[in-house]
Amino acid sequence: MPINYEELMAMKSEGEEFSYGDRESMLYALGVGMGRDPMDEAELKYCYEYPDMRTVPTMATVIAWGQRTLSKADLNWVMIVHGEQKLELHKPLPTAADIVANGKVIGAYDKGADKGALIVSETEIFEKTSGDKLCTLTSSTFARGDGGFGGPTEGAPTPHSVPTRAPDMSCELETRADQALLYRLSGDRNPLHADPKFAAAAGFPRPILHGLCTYGTACRAVLKTACDYDHTKIKGFDVRFSAPVFPGETIITDMWKDGNILSFECRLQERDVTVIKNGKCTLAK
């Protein structure tokens, strides 16, 4: 069945409760590559329960994993691709919290019967005890098999423009061959990232790294290179996914700094492929 635009735009979920602890915060940090050098105290602060333990800002994308805004949407789920991810942090993520998530669909755009549909959803996450808003997540889902439903064709979010000059700084981070197996323990158990037979059926020679793991690795690169590992300096983190990474490949993050905006893109050392485009990290002023 084609998408029913009115029903899709009315979809929301409210008051869903989740919780996480320092174990989940450490597991996420390890999943995006932190702690490879156990003598690196800057990264150890994300992987060990120091009194001043820190959290990777992009962990916001997994603390309410399973939130159900789009769960009832009549989509061709085999053809779904995560297109963009945006994050606005209203305060630094605590290392442990009970949280409440409210989600809704905020846009649906028809790219054509042979081009798919773009669905934009928003999730606001609050600390349950204080009621403080922790973060706002905006996710764009590219439904490749659901175009031609008659919805708006204009008005979709425009990507951030990255400068054309040479990068001001770059950071090279290798991924491990088993990294997807570790990262999936933070929530996304899609067999595409673990099962060789499932990956082959999807057209890949081997399981691929989660897009959100690449996203977290880019955040690690920014923390390392531009923030002196101070997680409180990151207020926003937006990307457009452009190609998959195979676990074991090396991700090079190129960065351009203009005031409190750090633009970035991620490419692979082993292949001439850009895996994240139009990256925008908003830094504390």
C-alpha atoms as a PDB file:
ATOM      1  CA  MET A   1       0.000   0.000   0.000  1.00  0.00           C
ATOM      2  CA  PRO A   2       1.187   3.548  -0.687  1.00  0.00           C
ATOM      3  CA  ILE A   3       1.909   5.832   2.228  1.00  0.00           C
ATOM      4  CA  ASN A   4      -1.136   7.574   3.683  1.00  0.00           C
ATOM      5  CA  TYR A   5       0.256  11.078   4.173  1.00  0.00           C
ATOM      6  CA  GLU A   6      -2.254  12.229   6.800  1.00  0.00           C
ATOM      7  CA  GLU A   7      -1.837   9.073   8.881  1.00  0.00           C
ATOM      8  CA  LEU A   8       1.942   9.263   8.649  1.00  0.00           C
ATOM      9  CA  MET A   9       2.053  12.918   9.738  1.00  0.00           C
ATOM     10  CA  ALA A  10      -0.177  12.109  12.720  1.00  0.00           C
ATOM     11  CA  MET A  11       2.162   9.421  14.035  1.00  0.00           C
ATOM     12  CA  LYS A  12       3.689  10.076  17.440  1.00  0.00           C
ATOM     13  CA  SER A  13       4.725   8.343  20.628  1.00  0.00           C
ATOM     14  CA  GLU A  14       4.672  10.016  24.011  1.00  0.00           C
ATOM     15  CA  GLY A  15       5.922   9.194  27.464  1.00  0.00           C
ATOM     16  CA  GLU A  16       8.080   6.197  26.562  1.00  0.00           C
ATOM     17  CA  GLU A  17      10.437   5.497  29.458  1.00  0.00           C
ATOM     18  CA  PHE A  18      13.996   4.187  29.275  1.00  0.00           C
ATOM     19  CA  SER A  19      17.000   4.034  31.575  1.00  0.00           C
ATOM     20  CA  TYR A  20      20.730   3.611  31.206  1.00  0.00           C
ATOM     21  CA  GLY A  21      23.709   3.451  33.552  1.00  0.00           C
ATOM     22  CA  ASP A  22      27.451   3.949  33.486  1.00  0.00           C
ATOM     23  CA  ARG A  23      27.782   0.449  32.009  1.00  0.00           C
ATOM     24  CA  GLU A  24      25.857   1.536  28.902  1.00  0.00           C
ATOM     25  CA  SER A  25      27.860   4.779  28.697  1.00  0.00           C
ATOM     26  CA  MET A  26      31.136   2.834  28.800  1.00  0.00           C
ATOM     27  CA  LEU A  27      29.862   0.244  26.318  1.00  0.00           C
ATOM     28  CA  TYR A  28      28.888   2.957  23.842  1.00  0.00           C
ATOM     29  CA  ALA A  29      32.312   4.612  24.166  1.00  0.00           C
ATOM     30  CA  LEU A  30      34.039   1.284  23.511  1.00  0.00           C
ATOM     31  CA  GLY A  31      31.698   0.663  20.576  1.00  0.00           C
ATOM     32  CA  VAL A  32      32.824   3.840  18.791  1.00  0.00           C
ATOM     33  CA  GLY A  33      36.491   3.029  19.386  1.00  0.00           C
ATOM     34  CA  MET A  34      37.363   4.719  22.648  1.00  0.00           C
ATOM     35  CA  GLY A  35      39.877   3.032  24.965  1.00  0.00           C
ATOM     36  CA  ARG A  36      42.026   1.287  22.344  1.00  0.00           C
ATOM     37  CA  ASP A  37      45.037   2.586  24.281  1.00  0.00           C
ATOM     38  CA  PRO A  38      44.289   1.777  27.943  1.00  0.00           C
ATOM     39  CA  MET A  39      47.011   4.239  28.988  1.00  0.00           C
ATOM     40  CA  ASP A  40      45.278   7.162  27.247  1.00  0.00           C
ATOM     41  CA  GLU A  41      43.611   8.867  30.213  1.00  0.00           C
ATOM     42  CA  ALA A  42      41.684  11.294  27.994  1.00  0.00           C
ATOM     43  CA  GLU A  43      39.737   8.405  26.436  1.00  0.00           C
ATOM     44  CA  LEU A  44      39.741   6.380  29.640  1.00  0.00           C
ATOM     45  CA  LYS A  45      37.480   9.044  31.169  1.00  0.00           C
ATOM     46  CA  TYR A  46      34.782   7.785  28.803  1.00  0.00           C
ATOM     47  CA  CYS A  47      35.446   4.095  29.513  1.00  0.00           C
ATOM     48  CA  TYR A  48      36.059   3.965  33.273  1.00  0.00           C
ATOM     49  CA  GLU A  49      33.990   5.060  36.249  1.00  0.00           C
ATOM     50  CA  TYR A  50      36.144   8.005  37.314  1.00  0.00           C
ATOM     51  CA  PRO A  51      34.326  10.539  39.553  1.00  0.00           C
ATOM     52  CA  ASP A  52      34.449  12.886  36.548  1.00  0.00           C
ATOM     53  CA  MET A  53      33.480  10.223  33.999  1.00  0.00           C
ATOM     54  CA  ARG A  54      32.351  11.670  30.660  1.00  0.00           C
ATOM     55  CA  THR A  55      29.807  10.642  28.028  1.00  0.00           C
ATOM     56  CA  VAL A  56      30.208  10.699  24.246  1.00  0.00           C
ATOM     57  CA  PRO A  57      27.587  13.242  23.037  1.00  0.00           C
ATOM     58  CA  THR A  58      26.362  11.031  20.178  1.00  0.00           C
ATOM     59  CA  MET A  59      25.316   8.388  22.703  1.00  0.00           C
ATOM     60  CA  ALA A  60      22.072  10.379  22.657  1.00  0.00           C
ATOM     61  CA  THR A  61      21.110   8.367  19.560  1.00  0.00           C
ATOM     62  CA  VAL A  62      20.954   5.074  21.508  1.00  0.00           C
ATOM     63  CA  ILE A  63      19.685   5.964  25.001  1.00  0.00           C
ATOM     64  CA  ALA A  64      16.067   5.619  23.835  1.00  0.00           C
ATOM     65  CA  TRP A  65      16.695   2.797  21.355  1.00  0.00           C
ATOM     66  CA  GLY A  66      13.426   1.131  20.403  1.00  0.00           C
ATOM     67  CA  GLN A  67      11.376   4.340  20.596  1.00  0.00           C
ATOM     68  CA  ARG A  68       8.341   3.642  18.419  1.00  0.00           C
ATOM     69  CA  THR A  69       7.280   6.718  16.450  1.00  0.00           C
ATOM     70  CA  LEU A  70       7.444   4.965  13.053  1.00  0.00           C
ATOM     71  CA  SER A  71       6.755   1.421  14.258  1.00  0.00           C
ATOM     72  CA  LYS A  72       3.235   1.350  12.774  1.00  0.00           C
ATOM     73  CA  ALA A  73       4.119   3.025   9.476  1.00  0.00           C
ATOM     74  CA  ASP A  74       3.199   0.918   6.436  1.00  0.00           C
ATOM     75  CA  LEU A  75       6.607   1.073   4.751  1.00  0.00           C
ATOM     76  CA  ASN A  76       8.720  -1.317   2.714  1.00  0.00           C
ATOM     77  CA  TRP A  77      11.187  -1.858   5.567  1.00  0.00           C
ATOM     78  CA  VAL A  78      13.586  -3.888   3.416  1.00  0.00           C
ATOM     79  CA  MET A  79      14.232  -0.718   1.396  1.00  0.00           C
ATOM     80  CA  ILE A  80      14.719   1.635   4.361  1.00  0.00           C
ATOM     81  CA  VAL A  81      17.976   3.632   4.652  1.00  0.00           C
ATOM     82  CA  HIS A  82      19.017   6.049   7.385  1.00  0.00           C
ATOM     83  CA  GLY A  83      19.616   9.252   5.423  1.00  0.00           C
ATOM     84  CA  GLU A  84      20.460  11.963   7.954  1.00  0.00           C
ATOM     85  CA  GLN A  85      20.937  12.325  11.686  1.00  0.00           C
ATOM     86  CA  LYS A  86      20.815  15.565  13.626  1.00  0.00           C
ATOM     87  CA  LEU A  87      21.411  16.096  17.328  1.00  0.00           C
ATOM     88  CA  GLU A  88      20.865  19.123  19.524  1.00  0.00           C
ATOM     89  CA  LEU A  89      22.124  18.828  23.097  1.00  0.00           C
ATOM     90  CA  HIS A  90      20.361  21.008  25.654  1.00  0.00           C
ATOM     91  CA  LYS A  91      22.726  19.891  28.416  1.00  0.00           C
ATOM     92  CA  PRO A  92      25.563  17.351  28.629  1.00  0.00           C
ATOM     93  CA  LEU A  93      24.327  13.777  28.875  1.00  0.00           C
ATOM     94  CA  PRO A  94      24.667  12.353  32.377  1.00  0.00           C
ATOM     95  CA  THR A  95      26.534   9.057  32.710  1.00  0.00           C
ATOM     96  CA  ALA A  96      23.326   7.423  34.006  1.00  0.00           C
ATOM     97  CA  ALA A  97      19.695   8.515  33.880  1.00  0.00           C
ATOM     98  CA  ASP A  98      16.044   7.557  33.777  1.00  0.00           C
ATOM     99  CA  ILE A  99      14.596   9.253  30.716  1.00  0.00           C
ATOM    100  CA  VAL A 100      11.313   9.946  28.931  1.00  0.00           C
ATOM    101  CA  ALA A 101      11.084  10.179  25.121  1.00  0.00           C
ATOM    102  CA  ASN A 102       8.425  11.897  23.018  1.00  0.00           C
ATOM    103  CA  GLY A 103       8.524  11.363  19.265  1.00  0.00           C
ATOM    104  CA  LYS A 104       6.598  12.576  16.228  1.00  0.00           C
ATOM    105  CA  VAL A 105       6.781  12.728  12.455  1.00  0.00           C
ATOM    106  CA  ILE A 106       7.523  16.288  11.327  1.00  0.00           C
ATOM    107  CA  GLY A 107       7.789  15.835   7.562  1.00  0.00           C
ATOM    108  CA  ALA A 108       7.239  13.462   4.637  1.00  0.00           C
ATOM    109  CA  TYR A 109       8.384  14.270   1.112  1.00  0.00           C
ATOM    110  CA  ASP A 110       7.623  12.423  -2.120  1.00  0.00           C
ATOM    111  CA  LYS A 111      10.670  12.056  -4.360  1.00  0.00           C
ATOM    112  CA  GLY A 112       8.766  10.143  -7.031  1.00  0.00           C
ATOM    113  CA  ALA A 113       7.546   6.581  -7.652  1.00  0.00           C
ATOM    114  CA  ASP A 114      10.990   5.415  -8.735  1.00  0.00           C
ATOM    115  CA  LYS A 115      12.961   7.545  -6.246  1.00  0.00           C
ATOM    116  CA  GLY A 116      11.363   6.913  -2.868  1.00  0.00           C
ATOM    117  CA  ALA A 117      10.161   9.027   0.034  1.00  0.00           C
ATOM    118  CA  LEU A 118      11.917  11.018   2.736  1.00  0.00           C
ATOM    119  CA  ILE A 119      10.391  10.852   6.220  1.00  0.00           C
ATOM    120  CA  VAL A 120      11.623  13.166   8.980  1.00  0.00           C
ATOM    121  CA  SER A 121      10.954  12.337  12.620  1.00  0.00           C
ATOM    122  CA  GLU A 122      11.839  14.173  15.823  1.00  0.00           C
ATOM    123  CA  THR A 123      12.434  12.777  19.316  1.00  0.00           C
ATOM    124  CA  GLU A 124      12.747  14.916  22.429  1.00  0.00           C
ATOM    125  CA  ILE A 125      14.381  13.227  25.425  1.00  0.00           C
ATOM    126  CA  PHE A 126      13.864  14.430  28.985  1.00  0.00           C
ATOM    127  CA  GLU A 127      15.461  13.490  32.281  1.00  0.00           C
ATOM    128  CA  LYS A 128      12.638  11.843  34.215  1.00  0.00           C
ATOM    129  CA  THR A 129      13.580  13.048  37.706  1.00  0.00           C
ATOM    130  CA  SER A 130      14.243  16.718  36.946  1.00  0.00           C
ATOM    131  CA  GLY A 131      12.107  17.100  33.816  1.00  0.00           C
ATOM    132  CA  ASP A 132      15.061  18.786  32.098  1.00  0.00           C
ATOM    133  CA  LYS A 133      15.252  18.364  28.324  1.00  0.00           C
ATOM    134  CA  LEU A 134      18.462  16.530  27.518  1.00  0.00           C
ATOM    135  CA  CYS A 135      18.439  16.477  23.729  1.00  0.00           C
ATOM    136  CA  THR A 136      16.462  16.650  20.503  1.00  0.00           C
ATOM    137  CA  LEU A 137      17.091  14.068  17.790  1.00  0.00           C
ATOM    138  CA  THR A 138      15.986  14.622  14.204  1.00  0.00           C
ATOM    139  CA  SER A 139      16.270  11.631  11.898  1.00  0.00           C
ATOM    140  CA  SER A 140      15.640  11.440   8.165  1.00  0.00           C
ATOM    141  CA  THR A 141      14.580   8.040   6.843  1.00  0.00           C
ATOM    142  CA  PHE A 142      14.899   7.376   3.121  1.00  0.00           C
ATOM    143  CA  ALA A 143      12.147   4.935   2.178  1.00  0.00           C
ATOM    144  CA  ARG A 144      13.413   3.855  -1.235  1.00  0.00           C
ATOM    145  CA  GLY A 145      10.371   1.719  -2.036  1.00  0.00           C
ATOM    146  CA  ASP A 146       7.626   4.122  -0.977  1.00  0.00           C
ATOM    147  CA  GLY A 147       7.726   7.036  -3.416  1.00  0.00           C
ATOM    148  CA  GLY A 148       4.764   8.194  -5.475  1.00  0.00           C
ATOM    149  CA  PHE A 149       2.347   8.592  -2.552  1.00  0.00           C
ATOM    150  CA  GLY A 150       1.280  12.110  -3.516  1.00  0.00           C
ATOM    151  CA  GLY A 151       2.867  14.045  -0.665  1.00  0.00           C
ATOM    152  CA  PRO A 152       4.821  17.325  -0.859  1.00  0.00           C
ATOM    153  CA  THR A 153       7.769  17.325  -3.227  1.00  0.00           C
ATOM    154  CA  GLU A 154       9.419  20.469  -1.839  1.00  0.00           C
ATOM    155  CA  GLY A 155      10.462  21.648   1.605  1.00  0.00           C
ATOM    156  CA  ALA A 156      12.776  18.838   2.706  1.00  0.00           C
ATOM    157  CA  PRO A 157      15.662  19.923   4.975  1.00  0.00           C
ATOM    158  CA  THR A 158      18.683  21.267   3.114  1.00  0.00           C
ATOM    159  CA  PRO A 159      22.116  19.890   4.007  1.00  0.00           C
ATOM    160  CA  HIS A 160      24.838  21.968   5.639  1.00  0.00           C
ATOM    161  CA  SER A 161      27.411  23.296   3.143  1.00  0.00           C
ATOM    162  CA  VAL A 162      30.997  22.273   3.820  1.00  0.00           C
ATOM    163  CA  PRO A 163      33.758  24.758   2.881  1.00  0.00           C
ATOM    164  CA  THR A 164      35.625  24.160  -0.373  1.00  0.00           C
ATOM    165  CA  ARG A 165      39.045  25.108   1.042  1.00  0.00           C
ATOM    166  CA  ALA A 166      41.557  22.526   2.251  1.00  0.00           C
ATOM    167  CA  PRO A 167      40.649  21.078   5.670  1.00  0.00           C
ATOM    168  CA  ASP A 168      41.900  22.948   8.710  1.00  0.00           C
ATOM    169  CA  MET A 169      42.532  19.638  10.494  1.00  0.00           C
ATOM    170  CA  SER A 170      42.072  15.907   9.968  1.00  0.00           C
ATOM    171  CA  CYS A 171      41.858  12.876  12.220  1.00  0.00           C
ATOM    172  CA  GLU A 172      42.520   9.277  11.180  1.00  0.00           C
ATOM    173  CA  LEU A 173      40.826   6.552  13.234  1.00  0.00           C
ATOM    174  CA  GLU A 174      40.880   2.866  12.402  1.00  0.00           C
ATOM    175  CA  THR A 175      37.917   0.628  13.071  1.00  0.00           C
ATOM    176  CA  ARG A 176      38.294  -2.961  14.236  1.00  0.00           C
ATOM    177  CA  ALA A 177      37.130  -5.994  12.298  1.00  0.00           C
ATOM    178  CA  ASP A 178      34.816  -6.874  15.204  1.00  0.00           C
ATOM    179  CA  GLN A 179      33.589  -3.349  15.901  1.00  0.00           C
ATOM    180  CA  ALA A 180      30.034  -3.861  14.628  1.00  0.00           C
ATOM    181  CA  LEU A 181      29.663  -6.855  16.948  1.00  0.00           C
ATOM    182  CA  LEU A 182      30.548  -4.614  19.887  1.00  0.00           C
ATOM    183  CA  TYR A 183      28.570  -1.555  18.795  1.00  0.00           C
ATOM    184  CA  ARG A 184      25.353  -3.552  18.236  1.00  0.00           C
ATOM    185  CA  LEU A 185      25.189  -4.219  21.981  1.00  0.00           C
ATOM    186  CA  SER A 186      24.158  -0.573  22.395  1.00  0.00           C
ATOM    187  CA  GLY A 187      20.814  -1.335  20.769  1.00  0.00           C
ATOM    188  CA  ASP A 188      20.823  -1.936  17.021  1.00  0.00           C
ATOM    189  CA  ARG A 189      20.711  -5.726  16.580  1.00  0.00           C
ATOM    190  CA  ASN A 190      20.066  -5.600  12.821  1.00  0.00           C
ATOM    191  CA  PRO A 191      21.694  -8.800  11.431  1.00  0.00           C
ATOM    192  CA  LEU A 192      23.046  -6.776   8.505  1.00  0.00           C
ATOM    193  CA  HIS A 193      25.851  -5.771  10.868  1.00  0.00           C
ATOM    194  CA  ALA A 194      26.630  -9.245  12.207  1.00  0.00           C
ATOM    195  CA  ASP A 195      25.416 -12.107  10.007  1.00  0.00           C
ATOM    196  CA  PRO A 196      27.524 -12.776   6.870  1.00  0.00           C
ATOM    197  CA  LYS A 197      24.678 -14.652   5.152  1.00  0.00           C
ATOM    198  CA  PHE A 198      22.184 -11.852   5.813  1.00  0.00           C
ATOM    199  CA  ALA A 199      24.690  -9.280   4.532  1.00  0.00           C
ATOM    200  CA  ALA A 200      25.250 -11.323   1.365  1.00  0.00           C
ATOM    201  CA  ALA A 201      21.494 -11.496   0.751  1.00  0.00           C
ATOM    202  CA  ALA A 202      21.416  -7.700   1.033  1.00  0.00           C
ATOM    203  CA  GLY A 203      24.156  -7.397  -1.586  1.00  0.00           C
ATOM    204  CA  PHE A 204      27.207  -6.845   0.623  1.00  0.00           C
ATOM    205  CA  PRO A 205      30.328  -9.027   0.666  1.00  0.00           C
ATOM    206  CA  ARG A 206      30.385  -8.897   4.481  1.00  0.00           C
ATOM    207  CA  PRO A 207      28.465  -7.258   7.348  1.00  0.00           C
ATOM    208  CA  ILE A 208      28.705  -3.481   7.326  1.00  0.00           C
ATOM    209  CA  LEU A 209      29.320  -1.058  10.169  1.00  0.00           C
ATOM    210  CA  HIS A 210      26.268   0.711  11.585  1.00  0.00           C
ATOM    211  CA  GLY A 211      25.851   4.202  10.161  1.00  0.00           C
ATOM    212  CA  LEU A 212      25.410   5.495  13.695  1.00  0.00           C
ATOM    213  CA  CYS A 213      28.709   3.855  14.657  1.00  0.00           C
ATOM    214  CA  THR A 214      30.388   5.831  11.874  1.00  0.00           C
ATOM    215  CA  TYR A 215      28.544   8.873  13.280  1.00  0.00           C
ATOM    216  CA  GLY A 216      29.921   8.160  16.761  1.00  0.00           C
ATOM    217  CA  THR A 217      33.416   7.638  15.351  1.00  0.00           C
ATOM    218  CA  ALA A 218      33.201  11.071  13.706  1.00  0.00           C
ATOM    219  CA  CYS A 219      32.231  12.510  17.082  1.00  0.00           C
ATOM    220  CA  ARG A 220      35.242  10.797  18.662  1.00  0.00           C
ATOM    221  CA  ALA A 221      37.438  12.411  15.978  1.00  0.00           C
ATOM    222  CA  VAL A 222      36.005  15.859  16.766  1.00  0.00           C
ATOM    223  CA  LEU A 223      36.424  15.334  20.517  1.00  0.00           C
ATOM    224  CA  LYS A 224      40.028  14.248  20.021  1.00  0.00           C
ATOM    225  CA  THR A 225      41.079  16.872  17.489  1.00  0.00           C
ATOM    226  CA  ALA A 226      39.010  19.998  18.184  1.00  0.00           C
ATOM    227  CA  CYS A 227      37.642  19.695  21.734  1.00  0.00           C
ATOM    228  CA  ASP A 228      40.530  18.342  23.828  1.00  0.00           C
ATOM    229  CA  TYR A 229      38.150  15.499  24.765  1.00  0.00           C
ATOM    230  CA  ASP A 230      35.757  17.926  26.504  1.00  0.00           C
ATOM    231  CA  HIS A 231      32.276  16.575  25.740  1.00  0.00           C
ATOM    232  CA  THR A 232      30.592  19.738  27.046  1.00  0.00           C
ATOM    233  CA  LYS A 233      31.943  21.681  24.054  1.00  0.00           C
ATOM    234  CA  ILE A 234      29.640  19.843  21.622  1.00  0.00           C
ATOM    235  CA  LYS A 235      26.115  21.305  21.386  1.00  0.00           C
ATOM    236  CA  GLY A 236      24.994  19.834  18.072  1.00  0.00           C
ATOM    237  CA  PHE A 237      26.088  17.101  15.665  1.00  0.00           C
ATOM    238  CA  ASP A 238      24.473  16.736  12.230  1.00  0.00           C
ATOM    239  CA  VAL A 239      25.392  14.457   9.317  1.00  0.00           C
ATOM    240  CA  ARG A 240      24.217  13.019   6.023  1.00  0.00           C
ATOM    241  CA  PHE A 241      25.121   9.364   5.465  1.00  0.00           C
ATOM    242  CA  SER A 242      26.511   8.671   2.004  1.00  0.00           C
ATOM    243  CA  ALA A 243      28.114   5.192   1.967  1.00  0.00           C
ATOM    244  CA  PRO A 244      28.684   2.221   4.289  1.00  0.00           C
ATOM    245  CA  VAL A 245      31.906   1.348   6.102  1.00  0.00           C
ATOM    246  CA  PHE A 246      33.229  -2.202   6.403  1.00  0.00           C
ATOM    247  CA  PRO A 247      34.542  -2.991   9.892  1.00  0.00           C
ATOM    248  CA  GLY A 248      38.332  -2.812   9.842  1.00  0.00           C
ATOM    249  CA  GLU A 249      38.519   0.187   7.512  1.00  0.00           C
ATOM    250  CA  THR A 250      40.093   3.495   8.537  1.00  0.00           C
ATOM    251  CA  ILE A 251      37.877   6.571   8.769  1.00  0.00           C
ATOM    252  CA  ILE A 252      39.511   9.939   8.070  1.00  0.00           C
ATOM    253  CA  THR A 253      37.529  12.925   9.343  1.00  0.00           C
ATOM    254  CA  ASP A 254      38.360  16.233   7.642  1.00  0.00           C
ATOM    255  CA  MET A 255      37.317  19.353   9.580  1.00  0.00           C
ATOM    256  CA  TRP A 256      36.869  23.067   8.889  1.00  0.00           C
ATOM    257  CA  LYS A 257      36.417  25.522  11.754  1.00  0.00           C
ATOM    258  CA  ASP A 258      34.503  28.787  11.314  1.00  0.00           C
ATOM    259  CA  GLY A 259      33.673  30.407  14.657  1.00  0.00           C
ATOM    260  CA  ASN A 260      31.648  27.942  16.702  1.00  0.00           C
ATOM    261  CA  ILE A 261      30.721  25.843  13.652  1.00  0.00           C
ATOM    262  CA  LEU A 262      32.940  22.892  12.832  1.00  0.00           C
ATOM    263  CA  SER A 263      32.129  21.435   9.417  1.00  0.00           C
ATOM    264  CA  PHE A 264      33.330  17.920   8.689  1.00  0.00           C
ATOM    265  CA  GLU A 265      33.221  15.013   6.275  1.00  0.00           C
ATOM    266  CA  CYS A 266      34.403  11.416   6.640  1.00  0.00           C
ATOM    267  CA  ARG A 267      36.201   9.368   4.016  1.00  0.00           C
ATOM    268  CA  LEU A 268      37.911   5.990   3.929  1.00  0.00           C
ATOM    269  CA  GLN A 269      41.646   5.465   3.688  1.00  0.00           C
ATOM    270  CA  GLU A 270      41.308   2.121   1.918  1.00  0.00           C
ATOM    271  CA  ARG A 271      38.728   3.154  -0.694  1.00  0.00           C
ATOM    272  CA  ASP A 272      37.995   6.419  -2.495  1.00  0.00           C
ATOM    273  CA  VAL A 273      34.634   6.766  -0.741  1.00  0.00           C
ATOM    274  CA  THR A 274      33.066   9.539   1.358  1.00  0.00           C
ATOM    275  CA  VAL A 275      30.898   7.931   4.031  1.00  0.00           C
ATOM    276  CA  ILE A 276      29.587  11.054   5.805  1.00  0.00           C
ATOM    277  CA  LYS A 277      28.852  14.317   4.005  1.00  0.00           C
ATOM    278  CA  ASN A 278      27.652  17.766   5.067  1.00  0.00           C
ATOM    279  CA  GLY A 279      28.729  17.292   8.698  1.00  0.00           C
ATOM    280  CA  LYS A 280      28.049  20.154  11.098  1.00  0.00           C
ATOM    281  CA  CYS A 281      29.196  20.223  14.712  1.00  0.00           C
ATOM    282  CA  THR A 282      27.967  23.182  16.753  1.00  0.00           C
ATOM    283  CA  LEU A 283      30.460  24.073  19.469  1.00  0.00           C
ATOM    284  CA  ALA A 284      29.837  25.946  22.705  1.00  0.00           C
ATOM    285  CA  LYS A 285      30.614  29.625  22.288  1.00  0.00           C
END
